């Protein structure tokens, strides 16, 4: 078979099976309240923090200094000037259940530090507490002192630590804020989720479907809980999908074991199969699985990495204050890159960003975004 015929058949295969997958998943997504990204005209925003090997913020870069790929495809980027002057909507999400109760005293004097993190821009701050359920303790307000007092007055909850559910709750509230506002989360929690109803796939999607930077502060989960979470991780070498060929019937076989990750969903199986045959989709699938595995290991760290935010481990009020001051210095020094997708297929897109000729630089940037088949929102 010559190269032209092979390319034609690959394109035909992808078109047919993406249509099948979209038809099958239409019912599942029809009730979603999350915003979606248009595949043809939308702008993808990528907040970026760059530090030198000495951990100093690098401020002198231009758009030409960055290399950005979307599922391995290079993209032309620009820097959005003035983005840091935009108003800020901030959700402070605090674990009060489980081990979180022991750390509530560390949050009693956050007023001045919150002001420093927000900076001198118009803002709205909400406070969300969670144990086995998330609760809005303080609706969005421009009064930072009121938000700090609410945090200081939080009471111990039940034994739960539904981190993924609380993030979903907070991100949805942020999504209802005016589109001119930047969105950010300060998350204070243990490392392992306990009790969320939100699935890992939905959690990755919720985090990546909105341009929300998450700054996380984590305290260690008990060894027993860590062991429990570890028991649910994939076997060494990855999932059955990631490194092994499909059964003799092929990736589209009706054998239920042909694609273990599809869980019997033929639409999902078609996308997985296309991902095997077409490298950009394969790259996205691997990145998506890595994001899911990261959420199993350390939720606050993983969501910070996915969104281009920062993660800090803390154990008392002193170390927490020091980390918050670090963030207050970092937030004003983000670059905001933007691009229009050149390969806008539906599903998860993996982003990779580097600084040219500066391999020693530490780059914190958004790791991906999500595209729906039918899209309406203009910014992601």
Protein backbone atom coordinates (compact mmCIF):
# COMPACT_ATOMS: atom_id res chain seq x y z
CA UNK A 1 0.00 0.00 0.00
CA UNK A 2 1.57 3.37 -0.97
CA UNK A 3 1.92 6.34 1.37
CA UNK A 4 -1.01 8.29 -0.13
CA UNK A 5 -3.42 5.40 0.33
CA UNK A 6 -2.22 4.84 3.89
CA UNK A 7 -2.76 8.50 4.78
CA UNK A 8 -6.24 8.44 3.22
CA UNK A 9 -7.26 5.30 5.13
CA UNK A 10 -5.96 6.71 8.42
CA UNK A 11 -7.95 9.91 7.94
CA UNK A 12 -11.07 7.94 6.99
CA UNK A 13 -10.66 5.66 10.02
CA UNK A 14 -10.31 8.59 12.42
CA UNK A 15 -13.31 10.43 10.94
CA UNK A 16 -15.59 7.40 11.18
CA UNK A 17 -14.69 6.40 14.68
CA UNK A 18 -14.60 9.88 16.17
CA UNK A 19 -18.17 10.25 14.90
CA UNK A 20 -19.09 6.95 16.58
CA UNK A 21 -17.44 7.99 19.83
CA UNK A 22 -19.12 11.39 19.82
CA UNK A 23 -22.53 9.88 19.18
CA UNK A 24 -22.13 7.42 22.03
CA UNK A 25 -20.90 10.05 24.49
CA UNK A 26 -23.45 12.74 23.58
CA UNK A 27 -25.90 11.58 26.19
CA UNK A 28 -23.23 11.47 28.87
CA UNK A 29 -22.12 15.08 28.27
CA UNK A 30 -25.46 16.73 27.57
CA UNK A 31 -26.02 17.62 31.21
CA UNK A 32 -22.53 19.03 31.80
CA UNK A 33 -22.40 22.61 33.03
CA UNK A 34 -18.68 22.97 32.31
CA UNK A 35 -17.65 25.42 29.57
CA UNK A 36 -16.30 23.96 26.34
CA UNK A 37 -13.65 25.01 23.85
CA UNK A 38 -14.28 25.51 20.15
CA UNK A 39 -12.02 23.43 17.96
CA UNK A 40 -11.63 25.98 15.19
CA UNK A 41 -11.55 29.51 16.56
CA UNK A 42 -10.70 29.46 20.24
CA UNK A 43 -7.73 30.83 22.04
CA UNK A 44 -5.94 28.55 24.50
CA UNK A 45 -4.30 30.42 27.38
CA UNK A 46 -1.17 28.98 29.02
CA UNK A 47 0.05 30.67 32.24
CA UNK A 48 3.81 30.12 32.62
CA UNK A 49 6.23 30.69 35.49
CA UNK A 50 9.93 30.37 34.68
CA UNK A 51 12.71 30.11 37.27
CA UNK A 52 16.46 29.74 36.88
CA UNK A 53 18.52 26.94 38.38
CA UNK A 54 19.06 29.26 41.36
CA UNK A 55 15.25 29.44 41.82
CA UNK A 56 15.11 33.08 40.69
CA UNK A 57 12.16 34.24 38.57
CA UNK A 58 13.14 34.87 34.93
CA UNK A 59 11.46 38.01 33.57
CA UNK A 60 13.25 38.79 30.29
CA UNK A 61 11.75 36.20 27.91
CA UNK A 62 9.82 36.90 24.71
CA UNK A 63 7.38 34.72 22.79
CA UNK A 64 10.23 33.60 20.53
CA UNK A 65 12.03 32.09 23.51
CA UNK A 66 9.29 29.49 24.09
CA UNK A 67 8.66 26.19 22.29
CA UNK A 68 5.11 24.89 22.77
CA UNK A 69 3.68 21.66 21.37
CA UNK A 70 0.06 20.50 21.35
CA UNK A 71 0.01 16.68 21.15
CA UNK A 72 3.52 16.94 19.73
CA UNK A 73 2.59 19.53 17.08
CA UNK A 74 4.53 22.84 17.37
CA UNK A 75 2.35 25.91 17.90
CA UNK A 76 2.89 29.61 17.23
CA UNK A 77 2.52 31.46 20.54
CA UNK A 78 2.18 35.05 21.63
CA UNK A 79 2.39 36.73 25.03
CA UNK A 80 -0.83 38.32 26.23
CA UNK A 81 0.25 41.68 27.57
CA UNK A 82 -1.64 43.12 30.54
CA UNK A 83 -3.15 39.78 31.63
CA UNK A 84 -1.84 40.21 35.18
CA UNK A 85 -3.73 43.49 35.48
CA UNK A 86 -7.04 41.71 35.02
CA UNK A 87 -9.36 41.23 38.03
CA UNK A 88 -8.92 38.01 40.01
CA UNK A 89 -11.51 35.52 41.25
CA UNK A 90 -9.96 33.38 43.99
CA UNK A 91 -11.46 30.28 45.64
CA UNK A 92 -9.81 29.29 48.93
CA UNK A 93 -10.57 25.59 49.49
CA UNK A 94 -9.79 24.25 52.97
CA UNK A 95 -10.02 20.67 54.24
CA UNK A 96 -11.76 20.60 57.63
CA UNK A 97 -12.42 16.84 57.76
CA UNK A 98 -10.10 13.96 58.57
CA UNK A 99 -6.56 15.11 59.27
CA UNK A 100 -7.46 18.60 58.07
CA UNK A 101 -8.98 19.41 61.46
CA UNK A 102 -5.51 19.36 63.08
CA UNK A 103 -4.26 22.10 60.74
CA UNK A 104 -7.11 24.61 61.09
CA UNK A 105 -5.11 26.58 63.65
CA UNK A 106 -2.45 27.22 61.00
CA UNK A 107 -4.90 29.29 58.94
CA UNK A 108 -5.89 31.81 61.62
CA UNK A 109 -3.74 34.75 60.50
CA UNK A 110 -3.87 34.75 56.70
CA UNK A 111 -5.35 38.22 56.12
CA UNK A 112 -2.18 40.14 55.21
CA UNK A 113 -0.74 37.23 53.24
CA UNK A 114 -3.98 36.86 51.23
CA UNK A 115 -3.73 40.54 50.30
CA UNK A 116 -0.16 39.96 49.13
CA UNK A 117 -1.11 36.91 47.03
CA UNK A 118 -3.97 38.79 45.36
CA UNK A 119 -1.94 41.93 44.65
CA UNK A 120 -3.37 45.33 43.84
CA UNK A 121 -6.05 44.23 41.37
CA UNK A 122 -9.85 44.17 41.69
CA UNK A 123 -10.77 40.81 43.19
CA UNK A 124 -13.39 38.48 44.59
CA UNK A 125 -12.58 35.82 47.19
CA UNK A 126 -14.73 32.85 48.21
CA UNK A 127 -14.07 30.36 51.00
CA UNK A 128 -15.00 26.68 50.62
CA UNK A 129 -14.66 24.10 53.40
CA UNK A 130 -14.85 20.37 52.86
CA UNK A 131 -14.82 17.03 54.62
CA UNK A 132 -16.91 14.34 52.96
CA UNK A 133 -18.84 17.19 51.28
CA UNK A 134 -17.95 20.67 50.05
CA UNK A 135 -19.68 23.74 51.53
CA UNK A 136 -19.59 27.41 50.58
CA UNK A 137 -18.64 29.21 53.81
CA UNK A 138 -18.15 32.66 52.28
CA UNK A 139 -19.51 33.70 48.88
CA UNK A 140 -17.35 35.80 46.59
CA UNK A 141 -16.51 39.12 48.21
CA UNK A 142 -14.07 41.96 47.64
CA UNK A 143 -13.49 42.08 51.41
CA UNK A 144 -10.32 40.06 51.97
CA UNK A 145 -10.55 40.55 55.73
CA UNK A 146 -14.00 38.95 55.76
CA UNK A 147 -12.63 35.97 53.83
CA UNK A 148 -9.68 35.64 56.25
CA UNK A 149 -12.02 35.78 59.26
CA UNK A 150 -14.17 33.05 57.73
CA UNK A 151 -11.10 30.85 57.25
CA UNK A 152 -9.97 31.49 60.85
CA UNK A 153 -13.40 30.46 62.18
CA UNK A 154 -13.66 27.14 60.32
CA UNK A 155 -14.63 24.19 62.51
CA UNK A 156 -13.56 20.54 62.35
CA UNK A 157 -15.68 18.35 60.08
CA UNK A 158 -16.26 14.62 59.73
CA UNK A 159 -13.65 11.99 58.78
CA UNK A 160 -13.86 12.58 55.03
CA UNK A 161 -11.38 14.23 52.66
CA UNK A 162 -13.26 14.51 49.34
CA UNK A 163 -10.63 16.65 47.64
CA UNK A 164 -11.72 16.01 44.05
CA UNK A 165 -15.34 16.84 44.85
CA UNK A 166 -14.28 20.06 46.59
CA UNK A 167 -12.14 21.10 43.61
CA UNK A 168 -15.03 20.43 41.25
CA UNK A 169 -17.33 22.49 43.49
CA UNK A 170 -14.86 25.40 43.60
CA UNK A 171 -14.04 25.34 39.89
CA UNK A 172 -17.75 25.44 39.02
CA UNK A 173 -18.22 28.49 41.27
CA UNK A 174 -15.25 30.17 39.59
CA UNK A 175 -16.73 29.38 36.19
CA UNK A 176 -19.78 31.49 37.08
CA UNK A 177 -17.64 34.59 37.67
CA UNK A 178 -17.35 37.28 34.95
CA UNK A 179 -15.20 36.09 32.01
CA UNK A 180 -12.92 39.13 32.38
CA UNK A 181 -11.65 37.70 35.70
CA UNK A 182 -8.60 35.48 36.00
CA UNK A 183 -9.38 32.38 38.08
CA UNK A 184 -7.26 30.77 40.78
CA UNK A 185 -7.54 28.31 43.66
CA UNK A 186 -5.67 28.08 46.95
CA UNK A 187 -6.07 24.47 48.11
CA UNK A 188 -5.17 23.30 51.65
CA UNK A 189 -5.50 19.54 52.00
CA UNK A 190 -3.88 16.21 52.67
CA UNK A 191 -2.37 14.32 49.76
CA UNK A 192 -4.83 11.42 49.32
CA UNK A 193 -8.49 11.76 48.44
CA UNK A 194 -10.95 10.00 50.73
CA UNK A 195 -14.61 9.85 49.79
CA UNK A 196 -14.98 11.77 46.52
CA UNK A 197 -17.78 10.75 44.19
CA UNK A 198 -15.97 12.43 41.33
CA UNK A 199 -14.18 9.91 39.09
CA UNK A 200 -10.55 10.40 38.06
CA UNK A 201 -11.45 10.97 34.39
CA UNK A 202 -14.01 13.62 35.33
CA UNK A 203 -11.55 15.21 37.74
CA UNK A 204 -8.83 15.59 35.08
CA UNK A 205 -11.40 17.02 32.71
CA UNK A 206 -12.80 19.48 35.27
CA UNK A 207 -9.31 20.76 36.08
CA UNK A 208 -8.30 21.13 32.43
CA UNK A 209 -11.58 22.50 31.07
CA UNK A 210 -11.16 25.88 32.74
CA UNK A 211 -8.19 28.19 32.72
CA UNK A 212 -7.80 28.00 36.51
CA UNK A 213 -4.40 28.08 38.19
CA UNK A 214 -4.28 25.93 41.34
CA UNK A 215 -1.80 26.63 44.14
CA UNK A 216 -1.73 23.75 46.58
CA UNK A 217 -0.49 23.28 50.13
CA UNK A 218 -0.41 19.66 51.23
CA UNK A 219 0.15 17.84 54.48
CA UNK A 220 0.95 14.14 54.52
CA UNK A 221 -1.81 11.55 54.56
CA UNK A 222 -1.46 8.72 57.10
CA UNK A 223 0.55 5.70 56.04
CA UNK A 224 -2.55 3.52 56.19
CA UNK A 225 -4.39 5.77 53.77
CA UNK A 226 -1.39 5.98 51.47
CA UNK A 227 -1.21 2.18 51.39
CA UNK A 228 -4.91 2.02 50.59
CA UNK A 229 -4.50 4.44 47.68
CA UNK A 230 -1.40 2.64 46.41
CA UNK A 231 -3.36 -0.60 46.20
CA UNK A 232 -5.49 1.01 43.48
CA UNK A 233 -2.58 2.11 41.29
CA UNK A 234 -1.86 0.42 37.93
CA UNK A 235 0.60 -2.45 37.88
CA UNK A 236 4.27 -1.68 37.14
CA UNK A 237 4.78 -0.82 33.49
CA UNK A 238 1.52 1.11 33.20
CA UNK A 239 -2.04 0.11 32.49
CA UNK A 240 -2.82 -2.82 30.18
CA UNK A 241 -3.46 -0.17 27.53
CA UNK A 242 -0.24 1.79 27.62
CA UNK A 243 2.47 -0.63 26.65
CA UNK A 244 0.95 -3.86 25.42
CA UNK A 245 -0.48 -4.75 21.99
CA UNK A 246 -4.14 -5.59 21.71
CA UNK A 247 -5.48 -9.13 21.46
CA UNK A 248 -5.16 -11.08 18.18
CA UNK A 249 -8.58 -9.77 17.06
CA UNK A 250 -7.12 -6.27 16.81
CA UNK A 251 -7.86 -3.07 18.71
CA UNK A 252 -11.43 -3.02 17.39
CA UNK A 253 -12.11 -6.61 18.37
CA UNK A 254 -15.44 -7.28 20.11
CA UNK A 255 -13.46 -9.26 22.66
CA UNK A 256 -14.19 -7.41 25.95
CA UNK A 257 -10.51 -7.77 26.89
CA UNK A 258 -9.24 -6.19 23.68
CA UNK A 259 -9.20 -2.70 25.25
CA UNK A 260 -9.33 -2.88 29.07
CA UNK A 261 -9.43 0.92 29.40
CA UNK A 262 -12.66 1.23 27.38
CA UNK A 263 -14.71 -0.75 29.93
CA UNK A 264 -16.96 -2.08 27.17
CA UNK A 265 -17.64 1.34 25.63
CA UNK A 266 -17.22 0.92 21.87
CA UNK A 267 -16.91 4.66 21.28
CA UNK A 268 -14.08 4.90 23.78
CA UNK A 269 -12.49 1.81 22.25
CA UNK A 270 -12.56 3.47 18.82
CA UNK A 271 -10.77 6.54 20.19
CA UNK A 272 -8.21 4.37 21.96
CA UNK A 273 -7.59 2.40 18.79
CA UNK A 274 -7.19 5.60 16.76
CA UNK A 275 -4.75 6.76 19.41
CA UNK A 276 -2.63 3.68 18.81
CA UNK A 277 -2.57 4.22 15.05
CA UNK A 278 -2.19 8.01 15.01
CA UNK A 279 0.71 9.30 17.17
CA UNK A 280 -0.80 12.69 18.26
CA UNK A 281 -3.81 10.94 19.81
CA UNK A 282 -1.53 8.36 21.38
CA UNK A 283 0.49 11.14 23.02
CA UNK A 284 -2.69 12.71 24.41
CA UNK A 285 -3.86 9.35 25.76
CA UNK A 286 -0.56 8.73 27.56
CA UNK A 287 -0.67 12.22 29.10
CA UNK A 288 -4.26 11.67 30.21
CA UNK A 289 -3.39 8.36 31.89
CA UNK A 290 -0.41 10.01 33.59
CA UNK A 291 -2.68 12.74 34.95
CA UNK A 292 -5.08 10.13 36.34
CA UNK A 293 -2.25 8.21 37.98
CA UNK A 294 -0.91 11.44 39.49
CA UNK A 295 -4.27 12.13 41.12
CA UNK A 296 -4.10 8.72 42.76
CA UNK A 297 -0.68 9.46 44.24
CA UNK A 298 -0.91 13.08 45.40
CA UNK A 299 -4.00 15.13 44.55
CA UNK A 300 -2.84 18.66 45.52
CA UNK A 301 0.52 18.23 43.82
CA UNK A 302 -1.00 16.80 40.64
CA UNK A 303 -3.66 19.47 40.16
CA UNK A 304 -1.05 22.19 40.70
CA UNK A 305 1.18 20.65 38.04
CA UNK A 306 -1.69 20.17 35.60
CA UNK A 307 -2.71 23.83 35.77
CA UNK A 308 0.70 25.50 35.87
CA UNK A 309 0.35 26.45 39.53
CA UNK A 310 2.69 25.47 42.37
CA UNK A 311 2.70 22.85 45.12
CA UNK A 312 4.22 23.11 48.61
CA UNK A 313 4.29 20.61 51.45
CA UNK A 314 3.83 22.15 54.88
CA UNK A 315 3.58 21.00 58.48
CA UNK A 316 2.89 24.13 60.52
CA UNK A 317 1.84 27.80 60.34
CA UNK A 318 5.44 28.99 59.93
CA UNK A 319 6.24 26.91 56.85
CA UNK A 320 2.80 27.67 55.40
CA UNK A 321 3.36 31.43 55.74
CA UNK A 322 6.76 31.12 54.07
CA UNK A 323 5.26 29.23 51.11
CA UNK A 324 2.40 31.72 50.74
CA UNK A 325 4.92 34.57 50.61
CA UNK A 326 6.76 32.69 47.84
CA UNK A 327 3.52 32.47 45.87
CA UNK A 328 2.80 36.17 46.43
CA UNK A 329 6.16 36.89 44.78
CA UNK A 330 5.60 34.42 41.94
CA UNK A 331 2.02 35.26 40.90
CA UNK A 332 2.83 38.74 39.49
CA UNK A 333 5.63 37.26 37.38
CA UNK A 334 3.73 34.78 35.22
CA UNK A 335 3.84 34.97 31.45
CA UNK A 336 0.49 34.40 29.75
CA UNK A 337 1.02 32.64 26.43
CA UNK A 338 -1.77 32.05 23.96
CA UNK A 339 -2.23 30.06 20.76
CA UNK A 340 -4.94 28.80 18.43
CA UNK A 341 -4.95 24.99 18.08
CA UNK A 342 -3.58 23.65 14.81
CA UNK A 343 -4.77 20.07 15.43
CA UNK A 344 -8.19 20.53 17.08
CA UNK A 345 -9.45 16.96 17.39
CA UNK A 346 -11.98 16.31 20.19
CA UNK A 347 -10.70 15.09 23.55
CA UNK A 348 -7.71 15.72 25.80
CA UNK A 349 -4.73 17.65 24.38
CA UNK A 350 -1.29 17.34 25.97
CA UNK A 351 0.77 20.52 26.13
CA UNK A 352 4.57 20.59 26.48
CA UNK A 353 6.44 23.86 26.96
CA UNK A 354 10.17 24.55 27.00
CA UNK A 355 12.46 27.56 26.96
CA UNK A 356 14.80 27.38 23.98
CA UNK A 357 18.44 26.70 24.85
CA UNK A 358 17.74 26.87 28.58
CA UNK A 359 17.36 23.27 29.72
CA UNK A 360 18.26 24.22 33.30
CA UNK A 361 15.23 26.49 33.65
CA UNK A 362 12.28 25.27 35.71
CA UNK A 363 9.03 25.83 33.80
CA UNK A 364 5.60 25.66 35.45
CA UNK A 365 2.89 25.65 32.82
CA UNK A 366 -0.50 24.21 32.05
CA UNK A 367 -0.18 20.55 30.99
CA UNK A 368 -3.25 20.19 28.80
CA UNK A 369 -6.73 21.24 27.78
CA UNK A 370 -9.94 19.62 26.57
CA UNK A 371 -11.84 20.03 23.30
CA UNK A 372 -15.47 19.01 22.78
CA UNK A 373 -17.00 18.15 19.40
CA UNK A 374 -19.60 20.95 19.76
CA UNK A 375 -18.13 24.11 21.20
CA UNK A 376 -19.29 27.58 22.09
CA UNK A 377 -16.88 29.37 24.39
CA UNK A 378 -14.14 31.53 22.88
CA UNK A 379 -11.42 31.41 25.55
CA UNK A 380 -9.90 28.42 27.35
